[in-house]
Amino acid sequence: MSSTIQRDEAPAIVERILKRASTDVAFHALAISNSAAAVKEVSGKQLPEGFKVRFVSNEGADLTLVLPDVVTGDDELSDAELEQVAGGRCAASCAASCAVTSTVGIGIPGVGGAACV
């Protein structure tokens, strides 16, 4: 059994983190202050080397948008981008790239809990 999170485990771990953070004030604070520790507490595993997770609180926020990566003008895809195209995307990377939250579900994919498409 691997000591780091594997791609196929990510969706279930994300779901457990979100569920627990919605009912456990101390865990919610841990996720904000030390995301790696929160992930390890829920999954028992480390994040992969170089992989970072950042949680933000929805308190008082009407809409949180994740900006896309800056395009450098280089027309070639990076190895990571090629891997995503060839291997598809897992639900966790989709959730991360569509990490849009709202206090009001307005029918936009990724907003107010709607599916990321």
Protein backbone atom coordinates (compact mmCIF):
# COMPACT_ATOMS: atom_id res chain seq x y z
CA MET A 1 0.00 0.00 0.00
CA SER A 2 1.41 3.39 -1.03
CA SER A 3 2.09 6.05 1.59
CA THR A 4 1.11 8.82 -0.85
CA ILE A 5 -2.30 9.48 -2.33
CA GLN A 6 -2.91 7.92 -5.72
CA ARG A 7 -5.01 9.60 -8.43
CA ASP A 8 -7.90 7.14 -8.12
CA GLU A 9 -8.14 7.80 -4.35
CA ALA A 10 -8.42 11.58 -4.65
CA PRO A 11 -12.19 11.95 -5.24
CA ALA A 12 -13.12 9.95 -2.13
CA ILE A 13 -10.56 11.82 -0.02
CA VAL A 14 -11.82 15.19 -1.24
CA GLU A 15 -15.38 14.14 -0.41
CA ARG A 16 -14.38 13.09 3.13
CA ILE A 17 -12.49 16.34 3.70
CA LEU A 18 -15.39 18.51 2.54
CA LYS A 19 -17.91 16.54 4.61
CA ARG A 20 -15.80 16.69 7.76
CA ALA A 21 -14.91 20.37 7.31
CA SER A 22 -18.62 21.19 7.11
CA THR A 23 -19.32 19.78 10.59
CA ASP A 24 -16.01 19.94 12.52
CA VAL A 25 -14.85 23.48 13.36
CA ALA A 26 -11.37 22.37 14.46
CA PHE A 27 -10.83 20.31 11.29
CA HIS A 28 -12.11 23.23 9.18
CA ALA A 29 -9.46 25.47 10.79
CA LEU A 30 -6.78 22.79 10.25
CA ALA A 31 -7.65 22.53 6.55
CA ILE A 32 -7.24 26.29 6.17
CA SER A 33 -3.98 26.52 8.16
CA ASN A 34 -2.28 23.21 7.22
CA SER A 35 -3.88 21.50 4.26
CA ALA A 36 -1.32 18.67 4.12
CA ALA A 37 -2.03 17.78 7.76
CA ALA A 38 -5.78 17.81 7.09
CA VAL A 39 -5.35 15.51 4.08
CA LYS A 40 -3.16 13.15 6.11
CA GLU A 41 -5.65 13.14 9.02
CA VAL A 42 -8.49 12.06 6.74
CA SER A 43 -6.61 9.70 4.44
CA GLY A 44 -3.68 8.49 6.51
CA LYS A 45 -1.45 9.32 3.52
CA GLN A 46 0.86 12.11 2.42
CA LEU A 47 0.28 14.34 -0.59
CA PRO A 48 2.59 13.46 -3.49
CA GLU A 49 5.92 15.32 -3.45
CA GLY A 50 5.54 18.82 -4.88
CA PHE A 51 1.73 18.67 -4.86
CA LYS A 52 0.02 21.42 -2.89
CA VAL A 53 -3.58 21.78 -1.80
CA ARG A 54 -5.10 25.01 -0.56
CA PHE A 55 -8.46 25.20 1.13
CA VAL A 56 -10.35 28.49 1.44
CA SER A 57 -13.26 29.26 3.67
CA ASN A 58 -16.56 30.21 2.09
CA GLU A 59 -17.40 32.48 5.02
CA GLY A 60 -18.73 35.73 3.67
CA ALA A 61 -17.77 34.84 0.11
CA ASP A 62 -20.34 35.19 -2.60
CA LEU A 63 -18.16 33.66 -5.29
CA THR A 64 -14.65 32.23 -5.37
CA LEU A 65 -12.99 31.66 -8.74
CA VAL A 66 -9.75 29.86 -9.50
CA LEU A 67 -7.75 31.70 -12.12
CA PRO A 68 -6.23 29.65 -14.94
CA ASP A 69 -2.49 29.19 -15.27
CA VAL A 70 -0.71 32.05 -17.04
CA VAL A 71 -0.03 31.28 -20.70
CA THR A 72 3.58 32.03 -21.54
CA GLY A 73 3.13 32.18 -25.30
CA ASP A 74 4.89 28.85 -25.76
CA ASP A 75 2.71 26.84 -28.16
CA GLU A 76 3.98 23.48 -26.94
CA LEU A 77 2.14 21.59 -24.24
CA SER A 78 4.04 20.72 -21.08
CA ASP A 79 4.51 17.09 -20.11
CA ALA A 80 1.82 17.52 -17.43
CA GLU A 81 -0.62 18.95 -19.99
CA LEU A 82 0.11 16.13 -22.43
CA GLU A 83 -0.51 13.60 -19.66
CA GLN A 84 -3.90 15.17 -18.89
CA VAL A 85 -4.90 15.01 -22.56
CA ALA A 86 -3.67 11.44 -22.99
CA GLY A 87 -4.78 10.13 -19.61
CA GLY A 88 -7.88 12.20 -18.99
CA ARG A 89 -8.59 14.06 -15.78
CA CYS A 90 -9.62 12.68 -12.46
CA ALA A 91 -12.57 14.12 -10.59
CA ALA A 92 -10.22 15.74 -8.07
CA SER A 93 -8.32 17.67 -10.74
CA CYS A 94 -11.62 18.70 -12.27
CA ALA A 95 -12.85 19.79 -8.88
CA ALA A 96 -9.63 21.72 -8.34
CA SER A 97 -9.73 23.39 -11.75
CA CYS A 98 -13.40 24.20 -11.34
CA ALA A 99 -13.12 25.15 -7.68
CA VAL A 100 -15.93 27.64 -7.74
CA THR A 101 -18.05 27.99 -4.68
CA SER A 102 -21.05 30.12 -3.99
CA THR A 103 -23.47 30.87 -1.20
CA VAL A 104 -26.16 30.83 -3.88
CA GLY A 105 -26.44 28.04 -6.48
CA ILE A 106 -26.90 29.95 -9.72
CA GLY A 107 -26.80 27.07 -12.17
CA ILE A 108 -23.23 27.58 -13.39
CA PRO A 109 -21.24 24.33 -13.57
CA GLY A 110 -19.08 24.13 -10.47
CA VAL A 111 -21.11 26.75 -8.59
CA GLY A 112 -23.23 25.90 -5.61
CA GLY A 113 -22.40 22.21 -5.87
CA ALA A 114 -23.33 21.69 -9.53
CA ALA A 115 -21.21 19.17 -11.41
CA CYS A 116 -18.00 20.35 -13.03
CA VAL A 117 -18.16 19.84 -16.80
